[in-house]
Each structure stands twice: as structure tokens, then as C-alpha cells.
Amino acid sequence: MSLNSRREKEKNERRESILDAAEQVFFNKGYERCSMDDIARTAELSRALLYVYFKDKAAMLQAIVLRSACRLRERFALAVQGRQQGIDQIASIARAYYDFSQQDTHYFDVLTQSSTFVHLAENNEENQALHDCGADIMQLMVDALTAGLADGSISPERVNDPLQTAYFLRGALHGVIMEVRHAERRSVELPETERLIGYTIDMLGHSLRG
């Protein structure tokens, strides 16, 4: 490895370690209640060094939103592997989305709340990467739906616009996930979580078949 390559590797590792510290602070204290000093202490670095890698706290949050989206993209990509029919790929993606909400809870929350982060509207490299990642996530769903139309497991009478259908499926499942995540706050008792999620995925699948 050349000297320049080694330095670049070390720089990337330092940036990732700072983000790890920022995640810990953001998720424990809340974005609004924490400071760059809190992050510097957690990272065991000087506050000045943080600014070498990130211009401010908002830039760190941008990077964490991108991390969250990349994690979801990885889960969706893994979900479709080994599934031959498009309808099975969709069911697997749906299960992967629920698992993401359970196992990567903080990342799920970050993506859910990201529409309220004003600085994500800025035109910069990080936001372009986030936009591209989001497009990749939807494309994985569109590809699964298109595959299902081609192999006959999904009805063309039910799905005439794969992209629109992808948004519908994700929105429908997301709504149920949000319901069960805060079930204790509801005045009406909800069905058992795993059963309700399984039922939702099954019903969404039925809505795609002929």
C-alpha cells in the first residue's frame, strides 16, 4: 500500500470513528440536546479535529442519515438473493424492512424523521449520495415487481406501474410498523406484533396476485 493510500485509509477510518461517536451521542441524548463537545469527548478527540472532518453537527447528521439508508439498501439487496419469483422477492423485502425497524431501530428512526431535517435539502455531495441510495432502494423493489410481472407471479391487472406500487407497498407496511411500535400508547388493543406483520405482508402479497 502506498503512503497516500495508507493516509486515505487512516482518514476514512478516523471519519467513521467520529461518526460512531456522533451516533452514540445523538441516539442517547438527542440531536438537539448534544454539542460538538459531547461528540469530541465520546470520540476522545479534540473539538478542533472534529471540524477537520465535519463542518458542523448537521453535517454529521447528514452522514448518519446516509449510513442508515445504505444499511437499508444492503438489507433489501440481501433479501432478494436466492428468491426466484418476483412475488417472493417482494415478501422478502417486506420482511427485511420490518427486521430493519426492529434490529436497526435508530437507523429506522433517522430515516423516518429525515424529512424534517431542513439541511437535507442542501445541494451537496452527501445529499446526492443519499438521493442515489434512496433511488437504489426503490429500484430493488421495482425490479422485484417487474420480475414478478415477467414470471407471472404478479398480475399485470393489479400492477400497471411498478414504481407507484413500490411506494404503496412500502407506505402500507411502514404505517403498520409505526402502529405496532407504539402499541402501548394506543387506547385500542392491537393484535400480537409478529402475527399482524405477517398478516400485513401476506395481504400485500395477495393484492399483487391475479
N, C-alpha and C. Protein backbone atom coordinates (compact mmCIF):
# COMPACT_ATOMS: atom_id res chain seq x y z
N MET A 1 0.84 -1.20 0.00
CA MET A 1 0.00 0.00 0.00
C MET A 1 0.88 1.25 0.00
N SER A 2 0.59 2.18 -0.90
CA SER A 2 1.38 3.41 -0.99
C SER A 2 1.11 4.30 0.21
N LEU A 3 1.97 5.28 0.42
CA LEU A 3 1.82 6.21 1.54
C LEU A 3 0.50 6.97 1.43
N ASN A 4 0.18 7.42 0.21
CA ASN A 4 -1.07 8.16 0.01
C ASN A 4 -2.29 7.30 0.29
N SER A 5 -2.22 6.04 -0.14
CA SER A 5 -3.34 5.12 0.10
C SER A 5 -3.52 4.86 1.58
N ARG A 6 -2.40 4.69 2.28
CA ARG A 6 -2.46 4.44 3.72
C ARG A 6 -3.05 5.65 4.45
N ARG A 7 -2.63 6.84 4.04
CA ARG A 7 -3.17 8.05 4.67
C ARG A 7 -4.66 8.20 4.42
N GLU A 8 -5.08 7.88 3.20
CA GLU A 8 -6.50 7.97 2.87
C GLU A 8 -7.30 6.96 3.69
N LYS A 9 -6.74 5.77 3.84
CA LYS A 9 -7.40 4.73 4.65
C LYS A 9 -7.54 5.19 6.10
N GLU A 10 -6.47 5.75 6.64
CA GLU A 10 -6.50 6.23 8.02
C GLU A 10 -7.50 7.37 8.19
N LYS A 11 -7.57 8.23 7.18
CA LYS A 11 -8.52 9.36 7.22
C LYS A 11 -9.95 8.85 7.24
N ASN A 12 -10.23 7.85 6.39
CA ASN A 12 -11.58 7.29 6.33
C ASN A 12 -11.94 6.59 7.64
N GLU A 13 -10.96 5.88 8.21
CA GLU A 13 -11.20 5.20 9.48
C GLU A 13 -11.48 6.20 10.60
N ARG A 14 -10.74 7.30 10.61
CA ARG A 14 -10.97 8.33 11.62
C ARG A 14 -12.36 8.95 11.45
N ARG A 15 -12.73 9.21 10.20
CA ARG A 15 -14.05 9.78 9.93
C ARG A 15 -15.16 8.84 10.42
N GLU A 16 -15.00 7.55 10.16
CA GLU A 16 -16.00 6.58 10.59
C GLU A 16 -16.07 6.49 12.11
N SER A 17 -14.92 6.57 12.77
CA SER A 17 -14.92 6.51 14.24
C SER A 17 -15.59 7.74 14.84
N ILE A 18 -15.43 8.90 14.19
CA ILE A 18 -16.12 10.11 14.65
C ILE A 18 -17.63 9.94 14.47
N LEU A 19 -18.03 9.36 13.35
CA LEU A 19 -19.45 9.12 13.13
C LEU A 19 -20.02 8.13 14.15
N ASP A 20 -19.23 7.11 14.50
CA ASP A 20 -19.66 6.16 15.52
C ASP A 20 -19.94 6.90 16.84
N ALA A 21 -19.04 7.81 17.18
CA ALA A 21 -19.21 8.59 18.41
C ALA A 21 -20.43 9.50 18.31
N ALA A 22 -20.60 10.13 17.15
CA ALA A 22 -21.75 11.02 16.95
C ALA A 22 -23.07 10.24 17.07
N GLU A 23 -23.10 9.05 16.50
CA GLU A 23 -24.30 8.21 16.62
C GLU A 23 -24.61 7.94 18.09
N GLN A 24 -23.60 7.56 18.83
CA GLN A 24 -23.79 7.24 20.24
C GLN A 24 -24.38 8.43 21.00
N VAL A 25 -23.85 9.60 20.73
CA VAL A 25 -24.32 10.81 21.42
C VAL A 25 -25.72 11.20 20.94
N PHE A 26 -25.92 11.23 19.62
CA PHE A 26 -27.23 11.61 19.08
C PHE A 26 -28.33 10.69 19.60
N PHE A 27 -28.06 9.37 19.56
CA PHE A 27 -29.09 8.40 19.92
C PHE A 27 -29.36 8.37 21.43
N ASN A 28 -28.37 8.73 22.22
CA ASN A 28 -28.55 8.73 23.68
C ASN A 28 -29.11 10.04 24.21
N LYS A 29 -28.63 11.16 23.68
CA LYS A 29 -29.03 12.47 24.20
C LYS A 29 -30.06 13.18 23.33
N GLY A 30 -30.10 12.82 22.06
CA GLY A 30 -30.94 13.55 21.12
C GLY A 30 -30.12 14.59 20.38
N TYR A 31 -30.41 14.76 19.11
CA TYR A 31 -29.63 15.67 18.27
C TYR A 31 -29.62 17.09 18.80
N GLU A 32 -30.78 17.60 19.18
CA GLU A 32 -30.88 18.99 19.61
C GLU A 32 -30.18 19.25 20.94
N ARG A 33 -30.09 18.22 21.78
CA ARG A 33 -29.56 18.42 23.13
C ARG A 33 -28.06 18.15 23.25
N CYS A 34 -27.42 17.75 22.18
CA CYS A 34 -25.99 17.45 22.27
C CYS A 34 -25.16 18.52 21.57
N SER A 35 -23.88 18.52 21.86
CA SER A 35 -22.97 19.53 21.30
C SER A 35 -21.76 18.85 20.66
N MET A 36 -20.99 19.63 19.94
CA MET A 36 -19.74 19.11 19.37
C MET A 36 -18.78 18.69 20.48
N ASP A 37 -18.84 19.37 21.62
CA ASP A 37 -18.00 18.98 22.76
C ASP A 37 -18.36 17.59 23.25
N ASP A 38 -19.65 17.27 23.30
CA ASP A 38 -20.09 15.94 23.71
C ASP A 38 -19.53 14.87 22.77
N ILE A 39 -19.57 15.16 21.49
CA ILE A 39 -19.08 14.20 20.49
C ILE A 39 -17.57 14.06 20.59
N ALA A 40 -16.87 15.17 20.78
CA ALA A 40 -15.41 15.13 20.91
C ALA A 40 -15.00 14.29 22.11
N ARG A 41 -15.70 14.45 23.23
CA ARG A 41 -15.38 13.66 24.43
C ARG A 41 -15.61 12.18 24.18
N THR A 42 -16.72 11.85 23.54
CA THR A 42 -17.04 10.45 23.26
C THR A 42 -16.03 9.84 22.30
N ALA A 43 -15.60 10.62 21.31
CA ALA A 43 -14.63 10.15 20.32
C ALA A 43 -13.20 10.19 20.86
N GLU A 44 -13.02 10.85 22.02
CA GLU A 44 -11.70 11.03 22.63
C GLU A 44 -10.76 11.76 21.67
N LEU A 45 -11.31 12.82 21.10
CA LEU A 45 -10.56 13.67 20.17
C LEU A 45 -10.78 15.12 20.56
N SER A 46 -9.94 15.98 20.03
CA SER A 46 -10.14 17.41 20.27
C SER A 46 -11.31 17.91 19.44
N ARG A 47 -11.97 18.93 19.94
CA ARG A 47 -13.08 19.52 19.20
C ARG A 47 -12.60 20.06 17.86
N ALA A 48 -11.40 20.61 17.84
CA ALA A 48 -10.85 21.17 16.60
C ALA A 48 -10.70 20.11 15.53
N LEU A 49 -10.33 18.89 15.95
CA LEU A 49 -10.13 17.82 14.97
C LEU A 49 -11.46 17.40 14.33
N LEU A 50 -12.53 17.48 15.08
CA LEU A 50 -13.84 17.15 14.50
C LEU A 50 -14.14 18.02 13.29
N TYR A 51 -13.76 19.29 13.38
CA TYR A 51 -14.06 20.23 12.30
C TYR A 51 -13.19 20.00 11.06
N VAL A 52 -12.15 19.22 11.20
CA VAL A 52 -11.35 18.83 10.03
C VAL A 52 -12.17 17.89 9.15
N TYR A 53 -13.03 17.10 9.79
CA TYR A 53 -13.81 16.09 9.07
C TYR A 53 -15.25 16.51 8.79
N PHE A 54 -15.82 17.30 9.69
CA PHE A 54 -17.22 17.73 9.54
C PHE A 54 -17.33 19.21 9.89
N LYS A 55 -18.03 19.96 9.05
CA LYS A 55 -18.09 21.41 9.28
C LYS A 55 -18.96 21.77 10.48
N ASP A 56 -19.92 20.89 10.82
CA ASP A 56 -20.78 21.15 11.97
C ASP A 56 -21.56 19.88 12.32
N LYS A 57 -22.39 20.01 13.32
CA LYS A 57 -23.19 18.88 13.80
C LYS A 57 -24.16 18.39 12.74
N ALA A 58 -24.71 19.32 11.97
CA ALA A 58 -25.66 18.96 10.92
C ALA A 58 -25.01 18.08 9.86
N ALA A 59 -23.74 18.35 9.55
CA ALA A 59 -23.02 17.54 8.56
C ALA A 59 -22.86 16.11 9.06
N MET A 60 -22.67 15.95 10.37
CA MET A 60 -22.59 14.61 10.95
C MET A 60 -23.92 13.89 10.82
N LEU A 61 -25.00 14.62 11.08
CA LEU A 61 -26.32 14.00 10.96
C LEU A 61 -26.60 13.59 9.52
N GLN A 62 -26.19 14.42 8.57
CA GLN A 62 -26.31 14.06 7.16
C GLN A 62 -25.65 12.71 6.89
N ALA A 63 -24.43 12.57 7.39
CA ALA A 63 -23.67 11.34 7.16
C ALA A 63 -24.34 10.14 7.82
N ILE A 64 -24.98 10.36 8.97
CA ILE A 64 -25.66 9.26 9.65
C ILE A 64 -26.94 8.87 8.91
N VAL A 65 -27.63 9.84 8.34
CA VAL A 65 -28.80 9.52 7.51
C VAL A 65 -28.36 8.67 6.31
N LEU A 66 -27.24 9.03 5.71
CA LEU A 66 -26.73 8.25 4.58
C LEU A 66 -26.35 6.85 5.02
N ARG A 67 -25.71 6.72 6.17
CA ARG A 67 -25.39 5.40 6.73
C ARG A 67 -26.65 4.56 6.88
N SER A 68 -27.69 5.18 7.40
CA SER A 68 -28.95 4.48 7.63
C SER A 68 -29.54 3.97 6.32
N ALA A 69 -29.54 4.82 5.31
CA ALA A 69 -30.08 4.44 4.01
C ALA A 69 -29.25 3.32 3.38
N CYS A 70 -27.94 3.40 3.52
CA CYS A 70 -27.07 2.36 2.98
C CYS A 70 -27.33 1.02 3.66
N ARG A 71 -27.57 1.05 4.97
CA ARG A 71 -27.88 -0.19 5.69
C ARG A 71 -29.17 -0.80 5.17
N LEU A 72 -30.18 0.03 4.92
CA LEU A 72 -31.45 -0.48 4.40
C LEU A 72 -31.26 -1.04 3.00
N ARG A 73 -30.47 -0.37 2.19
CA ARG A 73 -30.19 -0.87 0.83
C ARG A 73 -29.52 -2.24 0.89
N GLU A 74 -28.58 -2.42 1.80
CA GLU A 74 -27.91 -3.71 1.96
C GLU A 74 -28.91 -4.80 2.32
N ARG A 75 -29.82 -4.48 3.23
CA ARG A 75 -30.82 -5.46 3.65
C ARG A 75 -31.74 -5.86 2.49
N PHE A 76 -32.16 -4.88 1.70
CA PHE A 76 -33.03 -5.18 0.57
C PHE A 76 -32.29 -6.02 -0.48
N ALA A 77 -31.03 -5.68 -0.72
CA ALA A 77 -30.25 -6.43 -1.71
C ALA A 77 -30.07 -7.88 -1.28
N LEU A 78 -29.82 -8.09 0.00
CA LEU A 78 -29.69 -9.46 0.52
C LEU A 78 -31.02 -10.20 0.48
N ALA A 79 -32.10 -9.47 0.69
CA ALA A 79 -33.42 -10.09 0.76
C ALA A 79 -33.83 -10.76 -0.55
N VAL A 80 -33.43 -10.20 -1.67
CA VAL A 80 -33.87 -10.75 -2.96
C VAL A 80 -32.99 -11.89 -3.44
N GLN A 81 -31.83 -12.06 -2.82
CA GLN A 81 -30.92 -13.11 -3.26
C GLN A 81 -31.54 -14.49 -2.99
N GLY A 82 -31.47 -15.35 -3.99
CA GLY A 82 -31.97 -16.71 -3.84
C GLY A 82 -33.48 -16.85 -3.98
N ARG A 83 -34.18 -15.75 -4.19
CA ARG A 83 -35.63 -15.80 -4.40
C ARG A 83 -35.89 -15.75 -5.90
N GLN A 84 -36.49 -16.80 -6.44
CA GLN A 84 -36.65 -16.90 -7.88
C GLN A 84 -37.80 -16.04 -8.40
N GLN A 85 -38.93 -16.11 -7.74
CA GLN A 85 -40.11 -15.39 -8.24
C GLN A 85 -40.19 -13.99 -7.65
N GLY A 86 -40.70 -13.09 -8.46
CA GLY A 86 -40.81 -11.70 -8.02
C GLY A 86 -41.67 -11.53 -6.79
N ILE A 87 -42.77 -12.29 -6.69
CA ILE A 87 -43.66 -12.17 -5.54
C ILE A 87 -42.94 -12.56 -4.26
N ASP A 88 -42.04 -13.55 -4.35
CA ASP A 88 -41.27 -13.98 -3.18
C ASP A 88 -40.21 -12.93 -2.82
N GLN A 89 -39.67 -12.28 -3.82
CA GLN A 89 -38.71 -11.20 -3.57
C GLN A 89 -39.38 -10.05 -2.82
N ILE A 90 -40.59 -9.72 -3.22
CA ILE A 90 -41.33 -8.65 -2.56
C ILE A 90 -41.62 -9.00 -1.11
N ALA A 91 -42.04 -10.23 -0.86
CA ALA A 91 -42.32 -10.67 0.51
C ALA A 91 -41.05 -10.62 1.36
N SER A 92 -39.93 -11.01 0.76
CA SER A 92 -38.66 -10.99 1.48
C SER A 92 -38.20 -9.56 1.77
N ILE A 93 -38.41 -8.67 0.83
CA ILE A 93 -38.08 -7.25 1.04
C ILE A 93 -38.94 -6.68 2.17
N ALA A 94 -40.21 -7.03 2.17
CA ALA A 94 -41.12 -6.54 3.22
C ALA A 94 -40.65 -7.02 4.59
N ARG A 95 -40.28 -8.29 4.69
CA ARG A 95 -39.78 -8.82 5.96
C ARG A 95 -38.48 -8.13 6.35
N ALA A 96 -37.63 -7.84 5.36
CA ALA A 96 -36.36 -7.15 5.63
C ALA A 96 -36.61 -5.75 6.18
N TYR A 97 -37.66 -5.10 5.68
CA TYR A 97 -37.98 -3.75 6.17
C TYR A 97 -38.43 -3.80 7.62
N TYR A 98 -39.25 -4.79 7.94
CA TYR A 98 -39.67 -4.93 9.33
C TYR A 98 -38.48 -5.26 10.23
N ASP A 99 -37.62 -6.17 9.79
CA ASP A 99 -36.43 -6.53 10.57
C ASP A 99 -35.53 -5.31 10.78
N PHE A 100 -35.42 -4.49 9.76
CA PHE A 100 -34.64 -3.25 9.86
C PHE A 100 -35.20 -2.37 10.98
N SER A 101 -36.52 -2.27 11.05
CA SER A 101 -37.15 -1.43 12.08
C SER A 101 -36.92 -1.98 13.48
N GLN A 102 -36.73 -3.30 13.58
CA GLN A 102 -36.53 -3.94 14.87
C GLN A 102 -35.06 -4.01 15.29
N GLN A 103 -34.20 -4.30 14.32
CA GLN A 103 -32.79 -4.57 14.63
C GLN A 103 -31.90 -3.35 14.45
N ASP A 104 -32.28 -2.45 13.58
CA ASP A 104 -31.56 -1.18 13.38
C ASP A 104 -32.50 -0.03 13.73
N THR A 105 -33.01 -0.09 14.94
CA THR A 105 -34.07 0.83 15.35
C THR A 105 -33.70 2.30 15.18
N HIS A 106 -32.49 2.65 15.59
CA HIS A 106 -32.07 4.05 15.49
C HIS A 106 -31.98 4.50 14.03
N TYR A 107 -31.47 3.63 13.17
CA TYR A 107 -31.39 3.98 11.75
C TYR A 107 -32.79 4.11 11.14
N PHE A 108 -33.69 3.22 11.54
CA PHE A 108 -35.08 3.31 11.08
C PHE A 108 -35.68 4.65 11.49
N ASP A 109 -35.45 5.04 12.74
CA ASP A 109 -35.97 6.32 13.23
C ASP A 109 -35.38 7.50 12.47
N VAL A 110 -34.09 7.42 12.20
CA VAL A 110 -33.42 8.50 11.46
C VAL A 110 -34.06 8.68 10.09
N LEU A 111 -34.28 7.58 9.38
CA LEU A 111 -34.88 7.68 8.05
C LEU A 111 -36.33 8.16 8.13
N THR A 112 -37.05 7.70 9.14
CA THR A 112 -38.44 8.11 9.31
C THR A 112 -38.55 9.62 9.54
N GLN A 113 -37.61 10.15 10.31
CA GLN A 113 -37.65 11.57 10.67
C GLN A 113 -36.87 12.47 9.70
N SER A 114 -36.20 11.87 8.73
CA SER A 114 -35.28 12.64 7.88
C SER A 114 -35.97 13.75 7.09
N SER A 115 -37.26 13.59 6.82
CA SER A 115 -37.97 14.63 6.07
C SER A 115 -38.07 15.94 6.85
N THR A 116 -37.84 15.87 8.16
CA THR A 116 -37.90 17.09 8.98
C THR A 116 -36.54 17.76 9.11
N PHE A 117 -35.49 17.14 8.57
CA PHE A 117 -34.15 17.72 8.66
C PHE A 117 -33.96 18.70 7.51
N VAL A 118 -34.07 19.96 7.79
CA VAL A 118 -34.06 21.00 6.76
C VAL A 118 -32.78 20.97 5.93
N HIS A 119 -31.63 20.71 6.57
CA HIS A 119 -30.35 20.76 5.87
C HIS A 119 -30.20 19.65 4.84
N LEU A 120 -31.10 18.64 4.87
CA LEU A 120 -31.02 17.58 3.87
C LEU A 120 -31.47 18.07 2.50
N ALA A 121 -32.01 19.26 2.45
CA ALA A 121 -32.41 19.85 1.17
C ALA A 121 -31.25 20.56 0.50
N GLU A 122 -30.13 20.70 1.21
CA GLU A 122 -28.97 21.38 0.64
C GLU A 122 -28.41 20.58 -0.53
N ASN A 123 -27.89 21.30 -1.51
CA ASN A 123 -27.32 20.65 -2.69
C ASN A 123 -25.84 20.40 -2.45
N ASN A 124 -25.50 19.22 -1.93
CA ASN A 124 -24.10 18.88 -1.70
C ASN A 124 -23.87 17.40 -2.00
N GLU A 125 -22.62 17.01 -1.92
CA GLU A 125 -22.23 15.65 -2.31
C GLU A 125 -22.90 14.59 -1.43
N GLU A 126 -22.98 14.87 -0.13
CA GLU A 126 -23.58 13.91 0.80
C GLU A 126 -25.06 13.69 0.49
N ASN A 127 -25.75 14.77 0.20
CA ASN A 127 -27.17 14.65 -0.10
C ASN A 127 -27.41 13.98 -1.46
N GLN A 128 -26.50 14.18 -2.40
CA GLN A 128 -26.62 13.50 -3.69
C GLN A 128 -26.45 12.00 -3.50
N ALA A 129 -25.49 11.63 -2.64
CA ALA A 129 -25.28 10.21 -2.34
C ALA A 129 -26.52 9.62 -1.67
N LEU A 130 -27.15 10.40 -0.79
CA LEU A 130 -28.37 9.94 -0.13
C LEU A 130 -29.50 9.77 -1.13
N HIS A 131 -29.62 10.72 -2.04
CA HIS A 131 -30.64 10.63 -3.09
C HIS A 131 -30.42 9.38 -3.94
N ASP A 132 -29.17 9.12 -4.31
CA ASP A 132 -28.85 7.95 -5.13
C ASP A 132 -29.16 6.65 -4.38
N CYS A 133 -28.85 6.64 -3.09
CA CYS A 133 -29.11 5.45 -2.28
C CYS A 133 -30.61 5.20 -2.17
N GLY A 134 -31.37 6.26 -1.96
CA GLY A 134 -32.82 6.13 -1.91
C GLY A 134 -33.39 5.60 -3.22
N ALA A 135 -32.83 6.07 -4.32
CA ALA A 135 -33.27 5.59 -5.64
C ALA A 135 -32.94 4.11 -5.81
N ASP A 136 -31.78 3.69 -5.31
CA ASP A 136 -31.39 2.28 -5.38
C ASP A 136 -32.37 1.40 -4.60
N ILE A 137 -32.77 1.89 -3.42
CA ILE A 137 -33.70 1.14 -2.58
C ILE A 137 -35.03 0.92 -3.31
N MET A 138 -35.56 1.98 -3.90
CA MET A 138 -36.82 1.84 -4.62
C MET A 138 -36.65 0.98 -5.86
N GLN A 139 -35.48 1.07 -6.51
CA GLN A 139 -35.25 0.28 -7.71
C GLN A 139 -35.24 -1.21 -7.41
N LEU A 140 -34.73 -1.59 -6.24
CA LEU A 140 -34.75 -3.00 -5.85
C LEU A 140 -36.19 -3.51 -5.76
N MET A 141 -37.08 -2.68 -5.26
CA MET A 141 -38.49 -3.06 -5.20
C MET A 141 -39.11 -3.09 -6.59
N VAL A 142 -38.80 -2.09 -7.39
CA VAL A 142 -39.32 -2.04 -8.76
C VAL A 142 -38.84 -3.25 -9.56
N ASP A 143 -37.58 -3.61 -9.40
CA ASP A 143 -37.03 -4.77 -10.12
C ASP A 143 -37.75 -6.06 -9.70
N ALA A 144 -38.05 -6.18 -8.41
CA ALA A 144 -38.76 -7.37 -7.93
C ALA A 144 -40.17 -7.43 -8.51
N LEU A 145 -40.84 -6.30 -8.55
CA LEU A 145 -42.18 -6.25 -9.13
C LEU A 145 -42.15 -6.54 -10.62
N THR A 146 -41.15 -6.00 -11.31
CA THR A 146 -41.00 -6.24 -12.75
C THR A 146 -40.72 -7.71 -13.02
N ALA A 147 -39.89 -8.31 -12.16
CA ALA A 147 -39.60 -9.74 -12.30
C ALA A 147 -40.87 -10.56 -12.09
N GLY A 148 -41.68 -10.15 -11.13
CA GLY A 148 -42.93 -10.86 -10.88
C GLY A 148 -43.90 -10.77 -12.04
N LEU A 149 -43.94 -9.61 -12.69
CA LEU A 149 -44.78 -9.47 -13.88
C LEU A 149 -44.28 -10.36 -15.00
N ALA A 150 -42.96 -10.48 -15.11
CA ALA A 150 -42.37 -11.31 -16.18
C ALA A 150 -42.57 -12.80 -15.92
N ASP A 151 -42.49 -13.22 -14.65
CA ASP A 151 -42.60 -14.66 -14.37
C ASP A 151 -44.03 -15.10 -14.07
N GLY A 152 -44.96 -14.15 -14.05
CA GLY A 152 -46.37 -14.49 -13.86
C GLY A 152 -46.83 -14.58 -12.42
N SER A 153 -45.92 -14.35 -11.47
CA SER A 153 -46.33 -14.44 -10.06
C SER A 153 -47.06 -13.18 -9.60
N ILE A 154 -46.97 -12.11 -10.39
CA ILE A 154 -47.67 -10.86 -10.10
C ILE A 154 -48.55 -10.52 -11.29
N SER A 155 -49.78 -10.11 -11.01
CA SER A 155 -50.75 -9.85 -12.07
C SER A 155 -50.56 -8.46 -12.68
N PRO A 156 -50.51 -8.38 -14.01
CA PRO A 156 -50.43 -7.07 -14.67
C PRO A 156 -51.72 -6.26 -14.47
N GLU A 157 -52.82 -6.94 -14.14
CA GLU A 157 -54.06 -6.23 -13.86
C GLU A 157 -53.99 -5.50 -12.52
N ARG A 158 -53.17 -6.03 -11.62
CA ARG A 158 -53.01 -5.42 -10.29
C ARG A 158 -51.87 -4.40 -10.26
N VAL A 159 -50.87 -4.64 -11.10
CA VAL A 159 -49.68 -3.78 -11.09
C VAL A 159 -49.42 -3.27 -12.51
N ASN A 160 -49.83 -2.05 -12.80
CA ASN A 160 -49.53 -1.47 -14.11
C ASN A 160 -48.47 -0.39 -14.02
N ASP A 161 -48.03 -0.09 -12.80
CA ASP A 161 -46.96 0.89 -12.59
C ASP A 161 -46.11 0.41 -11.41
N PRO A 162 -45.01 -0.31 -11.68
CA PRO A 162 -44.19 -0.87 -10.60
C PRO A 162 -43.67 0.17 -9.61
N LEU A 163 -43.29 1.35 -10.08
CA LEU A 163 -42.76 2.35 -9.16
C LEU A 163 -43.84 2.84 -8.20
N GLN A 164 -45.00 3.13 -8.75
CA GLN A 164 -46.11 3.58 -7.91
C GLN A 164 -46.49 2.49 -6.90
N THR A 165 -46.47 1.24 -7.36
CA THR A 165 -46.79 0.12 -6.49
C THR A 165 -45.75 -0.04 -5.39
N ALA A 166 -44.49 0.19 -5.72
CA ALA A 166 -43.42 0.09 -4.72
C ALA A 166 -43.64 1.10 -3.60
N TYR A 167 -44.01 2.31 -3.96
CA TYR A 167 -44.28 3.33 -2.93
C TYR A 167 -45.49 2.95 -2.08
N PHE A 168 -46.50 2.39 -2.72
CA PHE A 168 -47.69 1.96 -1.99
C PHE A 168 -47.34 0.87 -0.98
N LEU A 169 -46.60 -0.14 -1.42
CA LEU A 169 -46.25 -1.27 -0.55
C LEU A 169 -45.43 -0.81 0.64
N ARG A 170 -44.43 0.01 0.37
CA ARG A 170 -43.57 0.48 1.46
C ARG A 170 -44.37 1.34 2.44
N GLY A 171 -45.20 2.22 1.91
CA GLY A 171 -46.00 3.09 2.77
C GLY A 171 -46.99 2.31 3.63
N ALA A 172 -47.62 1.30 3.03
CA ALA A 172 -48.59 0.49 3.77
C ALA A 172 -47.93 -0.26 4.92
N LEU A 173 -46.79 -0.90 4.64
CA LEU A 173 -46.09 -1.65 5.68
C LEU A 173 -45.52 -0.71 6.74
N HIS A 174 -45.01 0.43 6.30
CA HIS A 174 -44.44 1.39 7.25
C HIS A 174 -45.52 1.85 8.24
N GLY A 175 -46.72 2.07 7.74
CA GLY A 175 -47.80 2.50 8.61
C GLY A 175 -48.11 1.48 9.70
N VAL A 176 -48.13 0.20 9.33
CA VAL A 176 -48.40 -0.85 10.31
C VAL A 176 -47.25 -0.96 11.31
N ILE A 177 -46.02 -0.85 10.82
CA ILE A 177 -44.86 -0.89 11.71
C ILE A 177 -44.95 0.22 12.75
N MET A 178 -45.32 1.41 12.33
CA MET A 178 -45.42 2.53 13.26
C MET A 178 -46.54 2.29 14.28
N GLU A 179 -47.59 1.63 13.86
CA GLU A 179 -48.68 1.31 14.79
C GLU A 179 -48.20 0.37 15.88
N VAL A 180 -47.52 -0.71 15.50
CA VAL A 180 -47.13 -1.73 16.50
C VAL A 180 -45.96 -1.27 17.36
N ARG A 181 -45.16 -0.32 16.85
CA ARG A 181 -44.02 0.14 17.65
C ARG A 181 -44.47 0.91 18.88
N HIS A 182 -45.62 1.51 18.82
CA HIS A 182 -46.13 2.30 19.95
C HIS A 182 -47.49 1.76 20.40
N ALA A 183 -47.59 0.44 20.38
CA ALA A 183 -48.87 -0.20 20.72
C ALA A 183 -49.32 0.12 22.14
N GLU A 184 -48.34 0.30 23.05
CA GLU A 184 -48.71 0.56 24.45
C GLU A 184 -49.39 1.91 24.64
N ARG A 185 -49.25 2.79 23.65
CA ARG A 185 -49.87 4.11 23.76
C ARG A 185 -51.29 4.13 23.18
N ARG A 186 -51.68 3.04 22.55
CA ARG A 186 -52.98 3.01 21.89
C ARG A 186 -54.09 2.71 22.89
N SER A 187 -55.24 3.32 22.68
CA SER A 187 -56.38 3.03 23.54
C SER A 187 -57.05 1.72 23.14
N VAL A 188 -56.83 1.30 21.89
CA VAL A 188 -57.39 0.05 21.38
C VAL A 188 -56.29 -1.00 21.33
N GLU A 189 -56.57 -2.18 21.85
CA GLU A 189 -55.57 -3.25 21.87
C GLU A 189 -55.32 -3.77 20.45
N LEU A 190 -54.04 -3.90 20.09
CA LEU A 190 -53.67 -4.39 18.76
C LEU A 190 -53.37 -5.88 18.81
N PRO A 191 -53.48 -6.56 17.66
CA PRO A 191 -53.07 -7.97 17.61
C PRO A 191 -51.59 -8.12 17.93
N GLU A 192 -51.17 -9.34 18.23
CA GLU A 192 -49.76 -9.62 18.52
C GLU A 192 -48.91 -9.18 17.33
N THR A 193 -47.77 -8.55 17.63
CA THR A 193 -46.98 -7.87 16.60
C THR A 193 -46.58 -8.77 15.44
N GLU A 194 -45.92 -9.89 15.73
CA GLU A 194 -45.44 -10.76 14.65
C GLU A 194 -46.60 -11.25 13.79
N ARG A 195 -47.72 -11.53 14.44
CA ARG A 195 -48.88 -12.00 13.70
C ARG A 195 -49.41 -10.91 12.77
N LEU A 196 -49.48 -9.70 13.28
CA LEU A 196 -50.00 -8.59 12.48
C LEU A 196 -49.07 -8.26 11.31
N ILE A 197 -47.77 -8.28 11.56
CA ILE A 197 -46.81 -8.01 10.48
C ILE A 197 -46.90 -9.10 9.42
N GLY A 198 -46.95 -10.36 9.86
CA GLY A 198 -47.08 -11.47 8.91
C GLY A 198 -48.35 -11.37 8.09
N TYR A 199 -49.44 -11.01 8.75
CA TYR A 199 -50.73 -10.85 8.07
C TYR A 199 -50.65 -9.72 7.04
N THR A 200 -50.03 -8.62 7.44
CA THR A 200 -49.90 -7.47 6.53
C THR A 200 -49.10 -7.84 5.29
N ILE A 201 -47.98 -8.53 5.48
CA ILE A 201 -47.15 -8.94 4.34
C ILE A 201 -47.92 -9.89 3.44
N ASP A 202 -48.66 -10.83 4.04
CA ASP A 202 -49.46 -11.78 3.25
C ASP A 202 -50.54 -11.04 2.45
N MET A 203 -51.21 -10.11 3.08
CA MET A 203 -52.29 -9.39 2.40
C MET A 203 -51.75 -8.51 1.28
N LEU A 204 -50.59 -7.90 1.51
CA LEU A 204 -49.98 -7.10 0.45
C LEU A 204 -49.61 -8.00 -0.73
N GLY A 205 -49.11 -9.20 -0.42
CA GLY A 205 -48.79 -10.15 -1.48
C GLY A 205 -50.03 -10.56 -2.26
N HIS A 206 -51.12 -10.84 -1.55
CA HIS A 206 -52.37 -11.22 -2.21
C HIS A 206 -52.87 -10.11 -3.13
N SER A 207 -52.63 -8.87 -2.74
CA SER A 207 -53.11 -7.74 -3.55
C SER A 207 -52.37 -7.63 -4.89
N LEU A 208 -51.25 -8.34 -5.00
CA LEU A 208 -50.45 -8.28 -6.24
C LEU A 208 -50.74 -9.44 -7.18
N ARG A 209 -51.31 -10.50 -6.64
CA ARG A 209 -51.57 -11.69 -7.45
C ARG A 209 -52.87 -11.56 -8.23
N GLY A 210 -52.93 -12.32 -9.32
CA GLY A 210 -54.13 -12.31 -10.13
C GLY A 210 -55.25 -13.13 -9.52
